Amino acid sequence: MVKIGHNSVALAGEFAVLSQLAIRGFDANMTLGNTKSVDILVSDPETSSMFKIEVKTSMVEKPSHDKLFGTYFSWMMSEKQEHIKDPHLFYCFVTILKPAYTFRFFIVSSERVARFVKESNDFFQQFYHDKPNPMRKFMVGLEGPYKLEEMTEEKMPLASEYENRWDFQIT
């Protein structure tokens, strides 16, 4: 199997999201990298509402699993995502499952992402007594138990809550 570069995976995710939006009647356009923290601009012709989507894509053979976070999909983020809380910005987390190249989509508000990225990183730092790191992870849980929920007030975002939520109403 040919190794697929990060840029190709990212573009595949963005085009997959565009196709999902188009089939649902949204008007959507890629920003082509000129707009910070926004990959797709969206208009809903029925409501005249406008919003933005940041696409994060990962390609894996199977979900991750560990004693701290259970079974989950994850995407790398940066520290800046802890501070982005725009009610018109949504993240679409895309997982491409190899070898069949099937796609799963998880749509999450920027407020929810910011809260989880901060709280889960703080928890990780406390649990492992690790030195500060600017990299973060956003995770969507597939099955627990989730130690995070036992030790903090933060809840693990679950696939059952966020998968294919193209209504963009989730906080």
C-alpha atoms as a PDB file:
ATOM      1  CA  MET A   1       0.000   0.000   0.000  1.00  0.00           C
ATOM      2  CA  VAL A   2       1.307   3.438  -0.945  1.00  0.00           C
ATOM      3  CA  LYS A   3       1.945   5.851   1.924  1.00  0.00           C
ATOM      4  CA  ILE A   4      -0.498   8.741   1.712  1.00  0.00           C
ATOM      5  CA  GLY A   5       0.836  12.133   2.766  1.00  0.00           C
ATOM      6  CA  HIS A   6      -0.711  14.309   5.480  1.00  0.00           C
ATOM      7  CA  ASN A   7      -1.781  16.963   2.955  1.00  0.00           C
ATOM      8  CA  SER A   8      -3.615  14.375   0.823  1.00  0.00           C
ATOM      9  CA  VAL A   9      -5.420  13.023   3.902  1.00  0.00           C
ATOM     10  CA  ALA A  10      -6.423  16.565   4.927  1.00  0.00           C
ATOM     11  CA  LEU A  11      -7.724  17.371   1.437  1.00  0.00           C
ATOM     12  CA  ALA A  12      -9.637  14.077   1.264  1.00  0.00           C
ATOM     13  CA  GLY A  13     -11.353  15.014   4.538  1.00  0.00           C
ATOM     14  CA  GLU A  14     -12.258  18.497   3.322  1.00  0.00           C
ATOM     15  CA  PHE A  15     -13.689  17.226   0.031  1.00  0.00           C
ATOM     16  CA  ALA A  16     -15.626  14.493   1.864  1.00  0.00           C
ATOM     17  CA  VAL A  17     -17.173  17.135   4.139  1.00  0.00           C
ATOM     18  CA  LEU A  18     -18.026  19.304   1.121  1.00  0.00           C
ATOM     19  CA  SER A  19     -19.803  16.349  -0.506  1.00  0.00           C
ATOM     20  CA  GLN A  20     -21.825  15.694   2.668  1.00  0.00           C
ATOM     21  CA  LEU A  21     -22.835  19.359   2.836  1.00  0.00           C
ATOM     22  CA  ALA A  22     -23.788  19.464  -0.854  1.00  0.00           C
ATOM     23  CA  ILE A  23     -25.968  16.354  -0.611  1.00  0.00           C
ATOM     24  CA  ARG A  24     -27.796  17.982   2.317  1.00  0.00           C
ATOM     25  CA  GLY A  25     -28.551  21.188   0.385  1.00  0.00           C
ATOM     26  CA  PHE A  26     -25.987  23.527   1.956  1.00  0.00           C
ATOM     27  CA  ASP A  27     -23.993  25.997  -0.146  1.00  0.00           C
ATOM     28  CA  ALA A  28     -20.367  25.478   0.843  1.00  0.00           C
ATOM     29  CA  ASN A  29     -16.965  26.589  -0.391  1.00  0.00           C
ATOM     30  CA  MET A  30     -13.411  25.799   0.651  1.00  0.00           C
ATOM     31  CA  THR A  31     -11.339  28.773   1.765  1.00  0.00           C
ATOM     32  CA  LEU A  32      -8.180  27.386   0.109  1.00  0.00           C
ATOM     33  CA  GLY A  33      -6.015  28.121   3.138  1.00  0.00           C
ATOM     34  CA  ASN A  34      -6.456  31.880   3.159  1.00  0.00           C
ATOM     35  CA  THR A  35      -8.684  32.052   6.226  1.00  0.00           C
ATOM     36  CA  LYS A  36      -7.192  31.119   9.603  1.00  0.00           C
ATOM     37  CA  SER A  37      -9.004  28.315  11.473  1.00  0.00           C
ATOM     38  CA  VAL A  38     -11.635  27.977   8.741  1.00  0.00           C
ATOM     39  CA  ASP A  39     -11.594  25.416   5.943  1.00  0.00           C
ATOM     40  CA  ILE A  40     -15.168  25.717   4.669  1.00  0.00           C
ATOM     41  CA  LEU A  41     -17.660  28.596   4.595  1.00  0.00           C
ATOM     42  CA  VAL A  42     -21.292  27.431   4.652  1.00  0.00           C
ATOM     43  CA  SER A  43     -24.648  29.011   3.917  1.00  0.00           C
ATOM     44  CA  ASP A  44     -27.971  27.359   4.641  1.00  0.00           C
ATOM     45  CA  PRO A  45     -30.337  28.560   1.893  1.00  0.00           C
ATOM     46  CA  GLU A  46     -33.427  27.604   3.925  1.00  0.00           C
ATOM     47  CA  THR A  47     -32.544  29.704   6.989  1.00  0.00           C
ATOM     48  CA  SER A  48     -30.064  32.182   5.448  1.00  0.00           C
ATOM     49  CA  SER A  49     -27.676  31.347   8.292  1.00  0.00           C
ATOM     50  CA  MET A  50     -23.932  31.355   7.727  1.00  0.00           C
ATOM     51  CA  PHE A  51     -21.292  29.395   9.589  1.00  0.00           C
ATOM     52  CA  LYS A  52     -17.726  28.158   9.355  1.00  0.00           C
ATOM     53  CA  ILE A  53     -16.224  24.683   9.511  1.00  0.00           C
ATOM     54  CA  GLU A  54     -12.703  23.669  10.450  1.00  0.00           C
ATOM     55  CA  VAL A  55     -11.983  20.134   9.209  1.00  0.00           C
ATOM     56  CA  LYS A  56      -9.591  17.851  11.082  1.00  0.00           C
ATOM     57  CA  THR A  57      -8.876  14.513   9.429  1.00  0.00           C
ATOM     58  CA  SER A  58      -7.105  11.394  10.614  1.00  0.00           C
ATOM     59  CA  MET A  59      -6.568   8.106   8.822  1.00  0.00           C
ATOM     60  CA  VAL A  60      -6.320   5.005  10.986  1.00  0.00           C
ATOM     61  CA  GLU A  61      -6.715   1.249  10.789  1.00  0.00           C
ATOM     62  CA  LYS A  62      -8.641   1.054  14.065  1.00  0.00           C
ATOM     63  CA  PRO A  63      -9.615   3.269  17.009  1.00  0.00           C
ATOM     64  CA  SER A  64      -7.108   4.004  19.769  1.00  0.00           C
ATOM     65  CA  HIS A  65      -7.479   2.477  23.218  1.00  0.00           C
ATOM     66  CA  ASP A  66      -5.855   3.233  26.554  1.00  0.00           C
ATOM     67  CA  LYS A  67      -6.651   2.982  30.254  1.00  0.00           C
ATOM     68  CA  LEU A  68      -7.132   6.722  30.615  1.00  0.00           C
ATOM     69  CA  PHE A  69      -9.521   7.502  27.765  1.00  0.00           C
ATOM     70  CA  GLY A  70     -11.073   4.130  26.812  1.00  0.00           C
ATOM     71  CA  THR A  71     -11.629   3.450  23.087  1.00  0.00           C
ATOM     72  CA  TYR A  72     -11.666   6.559  20.921  1.00  0.00           C
ATOM     73  CA  PHE A  73     -10.781   8.327  17.707  1.00  0.00           C
ATOM     74  CA  SER A  74      -8.463  11.329  18.051  1.00  0.00           C
ATOM     75  CA  TRP A  75      -7.166  14.323  16.128  1.00  0.00           C
ATOM     76  CA  MET A  76      -4.168  16.506  16.870  1.00  0.00           C
ATOM     77  CA  MET A  77      -4.897  20.084  17.854  1.00  0.00           C
ATOM     78  CA  SER A  78      -2.869  23.026  19.092  1.00  0.00           C
ATOM     79  CA  GLU A  79      -3.045  24.995  22.299  1.00  0.00           C
ATOM     80  CA  LYS A  80      -4.842  27.829  20.466  1.00  0.00           C
ATOM     81  CA  GLN A  81      -7.979  25.658  20.128  1.00  0.00           C
ATOM     82  CA  GLU A  82      -8.507  26.053  23.881  1.00  0.00           C
ATOM     83  CA  HIS A  83      -9.435  29.702  23.255  1.00  0.00           C
ATOM     84  CA  ILE A  84     -11.564  29.532  20.093  1.00  0.00           C
ATOM     85  CA  LYS A  85     -15.215  29.775  21.157  1.00  0.00           C
ATOM     86  CA  ASP A  86     -17.070  31.146  18.152  1.00  0.00           C
ATOM     87  CA  PRO A  87     -20.801  30.234  18.045  1.00  0.00           C
ATOM     88  CA  HIS A  88     -20.620  30.215  14.230  1.00  0.00           C
ATOM     89  CA  LEU A  89     -17.598  27.867  14.071  1.00  0.00           C
ATOM     90  CA  PHE A  90     -17.934  24.097  14.048  1.00  0.00           C
ATOM     91  CA  TYR A  91     -15.293  21.431  13.773  1.00  0.00           C
ATOM     92  CA  CYS A  92     -15.902  18.462  11.542  1.00  0.00           C
ATOM     93  CA  PHE A  93     -13.643  15.664  12.720  1.00  0.00           C
ATOM     94  CA  VAL A  94     -13.196  13.103   9.973  1.00  0.00           C
ATOM     95  CA  THR A  95     -11.822   9.616  10.447  1.00  0.00           C
ATOM     96  CA  ILE A  96     -10.829   7.637   7.381  1.00  0.00           C
ATOM     97  CA  LEU A  97     -10.722   3.943   8.220  1.00  0.00           C
ATOM     98  CA  LYS A  98      -8.172   1.896   6.286  1.00  0.00           C
ATOM     99  CA  PRO A  99      -8.006  -0.299   4.312  1.00  0.00           C
ATOM    100  CA  ALA A 100     -11.524   0.288   2.887  1.00  0.00           C
ATOM    101  CA  TYR A 101     -11.244   4.104   3.106  1.00  0.00           C
ATOM    102  CA  THR A 102     -14.617   4.522   4.779  1.00  0.00           C
ATOM    103  CA  PHE A 103     -15.379   7.903   6.347  1.00  0.00           C
ATOM    104  CA  ARG A 104     -16.901   8.808   9.712  1.00  0.00           C
ATOM    105  CA  PHE A 105     -17.872  12.409  10.518  1.00  0.00           C
ATOM    106  CA  PHE A 106     -18.227  14.015  13.969  1.00  0.00           C
ATOM    107  CA  ILE A 107     -19.537  17.596  14.101  1.00  0.00           C
ATOM    108  CA  VAL A 108     -18.762  19.525  17.295  1.00  0.00           C
ATOM    109  CA  SER A 109     -19.157  23.199  18.267  1.00  0.00           C
ATOM    110  CA  SER A 110     -15.999  25.216  18.835  1.00  0.00           C
ATOM    111  CA  GLU A 111     -17.103  25.909  22.427  1.00  0.00           C
ATOM    112  CA  ARG A 112     -17.264  22.163  23.176  1.00  0.00           C
ATOM    113  CA  VAL A 113     -13.917  21.541  21.499  1.00  0.00           C
ATOM    114  CA  ALA A 114     -12.233  24.350  23.450  1.00  0.00           C
ATOM    115  CA  ARG A 115     -13.576  23.069  26.765  1.00  0.00           C
ATOM    116  CA  PHE A 116     -12.618  19.442  26.139  1.00  0.00           C
ATOM    117  CA  VAL A 117      -9.164  20.191  24.739  1.00  0.00           C
ATOM    118  CA  LYS A 118      -8.291  22.292  27.795  1.00  0.00           C
ATOM    119  CA  GLU A 119      -9.771  19.982  30.425  1.00  0.00           C
ATOM    120  CA  SER A 120      -8.405  16.765  28.924  1.00  0.00           C
ATOM    121  CA  ASN A 121      -4.933  18.277  28.587  1.00  0.00           C
ATOM    122  CA  ASP A 122      -5.002  19.511  32.201  1.00  0.00           C
ATOM    123  CA  PHE A 123      -6.121  16.032  33.289  1.00  0.00           C
ATOM    124  CA  PHE A 124      -3.370  14.361  31.242  1.00  0.00           C
ATOM    125  CA  GLN A 125      -0.742  16.688  32.746  1.00  0.00           C
ATOM    126  CA  GLN A 126      -1.931  15.898  36.293  1.00  0.00           C
ATOM    127  CA  PHE A 127      -2.227  12.162  35.698  1.00  0.00           C
ATOM    128  CA  TYR A 128       1.240  11.785  34.182  1.00  0.00           C
ATOM    129  CA  HIS A 129       2.918  14.767  35.895  1.00  0.00           C
ATOM    130  CA  ASP A 130       4.114  15.663  32.441  1.00  0.00           C
ATOM    131  CA  LYS A 131       5.766  18.907  31.401  1.00  0.00           C
ATOM    132  CA  PRO A 132       3.620  21.398  29.451  1.00  0.00           C
ATOM    133  CA  ASN A 133       3.200  20.686  25.747  1.00  0.00           C
ATOM    134  CA  PRO A 134       1.599  22.975  23.112  1.00  0.00           C
ATOM    135  CA  MET A 135       0.015  19.995  21.326  1.00  0.00           C
ATOM    136  CA  ARG A 136      -3.468  18.801  22.259  1.00  0.00           C
ATOM    137  CA  LYS A 137      -5.846  16.023  21.255  1.00  0.00           C
ATOM    138  CA  PHE A 138      -9.537  16.080  20.638  1.00  0.00           C
ATOM    139  CA  MET A 139     -11.144  12.711  21.188  1.00  0.00           C
ATOM    140  CA  VAL A 140     -14.501  11.116  20.466  1.00  0.00           C
ATOM    141  CA  GLY A 141     -15.221   8.147  22.694  1.00  0.00           C
ATOM    142  CA  LEU A 142     -16.538   4.912  21.248  1.00  0.00           C
ATOM    143  CA  GLU A 143     -16.711   2.874  24.442  1.00  0.00           C
ATOM    144  CA  GLY A 144     -15.646   3.416  28.043  1.00  0.00           C
ATOM    145  CA  PRO A 145     -14.915   3.343  30.826  1.00  0.00           C
ATOM    146  CA  TYR A 146     -13.505   6.853  30.778  1.00  0.00           C
ATOM    147  CA  LYS A 147     -11.220   7.679  33.706  1.00  0.00           C
ATOM    148  CA  LEU A 148     -11.532  11.316  32.674  1.00  0.00           C
ATOM    149  CA  GLU A 149     -15.158  11.273  33.833  1.00  0.00           C
ATOM    150  CA  GLU A 150     -14.263   9.619  37.130  1.00  0.00           C
ATOM    151  CA  MET A 151     -11.689  12.270  38.002  1.00  0.00           C
ATOM    152  CA  THR A 152     -13.051  15.510  36.477  1.00  0.00           C
ATOM    153  CA  GLU A 153     -16.387  17.142  35.736  1.00  0.00           C
ATOM    154  CA  GLU A 154     -15.644  17.020  32.002  1.00  0.00           C
ATOM    155  CA  LYS A 155     -17.530  14.435  29.964  1.00  0.00           C
ATOM    156  CA  MET A 156     -15.974  12.518  27.103  1.00  0.00           C
ATOM    157  CA  PRO A 157     -17.522  13.563  23.764  1.00  0.00           C
ATOM    158  CA  LEU A 158     -19.230  10.423  22.453  1.00  0.00           C
ATOM    159  CA  ALA A 159     -19.688   9.205  18.897  1.00  0.00           C
ATOM    160  CA  SER A 160     -23.371   8.632  19.662  1.00  0.00           C
ATOM    161  CA  GLU A 161     -23.780  12.397  20.360  1.00  0.00           C
ATOM    162  CA  TYR A 162     -21.740  13.874  17.522  1.00  0.00           C
ATOM    163  CA  GLU A 163     -21.585  11.464  14.579  1.00  0.00           C
ATOM    164  CA  ASN A 164     -23.304  12.791  11.454  1.00  0.00           C
ATOM    165  CA  ARG A 165     -24.862  15.764  13.294  1.00  0.00           C
ATOM    166  CA  TRP A 166     -25.237  17.891  10.209  1.00  0.00           C
ATOM    167  CA  ASP A 167     -27.834  20.096  11.930  1.00  0.00           C
ATOM    168  CA  PHE A 168     -25.022  22.192  13.472  1.00  0.00           C
ATOM    169  CA  GLN A 169     -27.000  22.785  16.666  1.00  0.00           C
ATOM    170  CA  ILE A 170     -24.738  21.022  19.159  1.00  0.00           C
ATOM    171  CA  THR A 171     -23.025  22.913  21.991  1.00  0.00           C
END
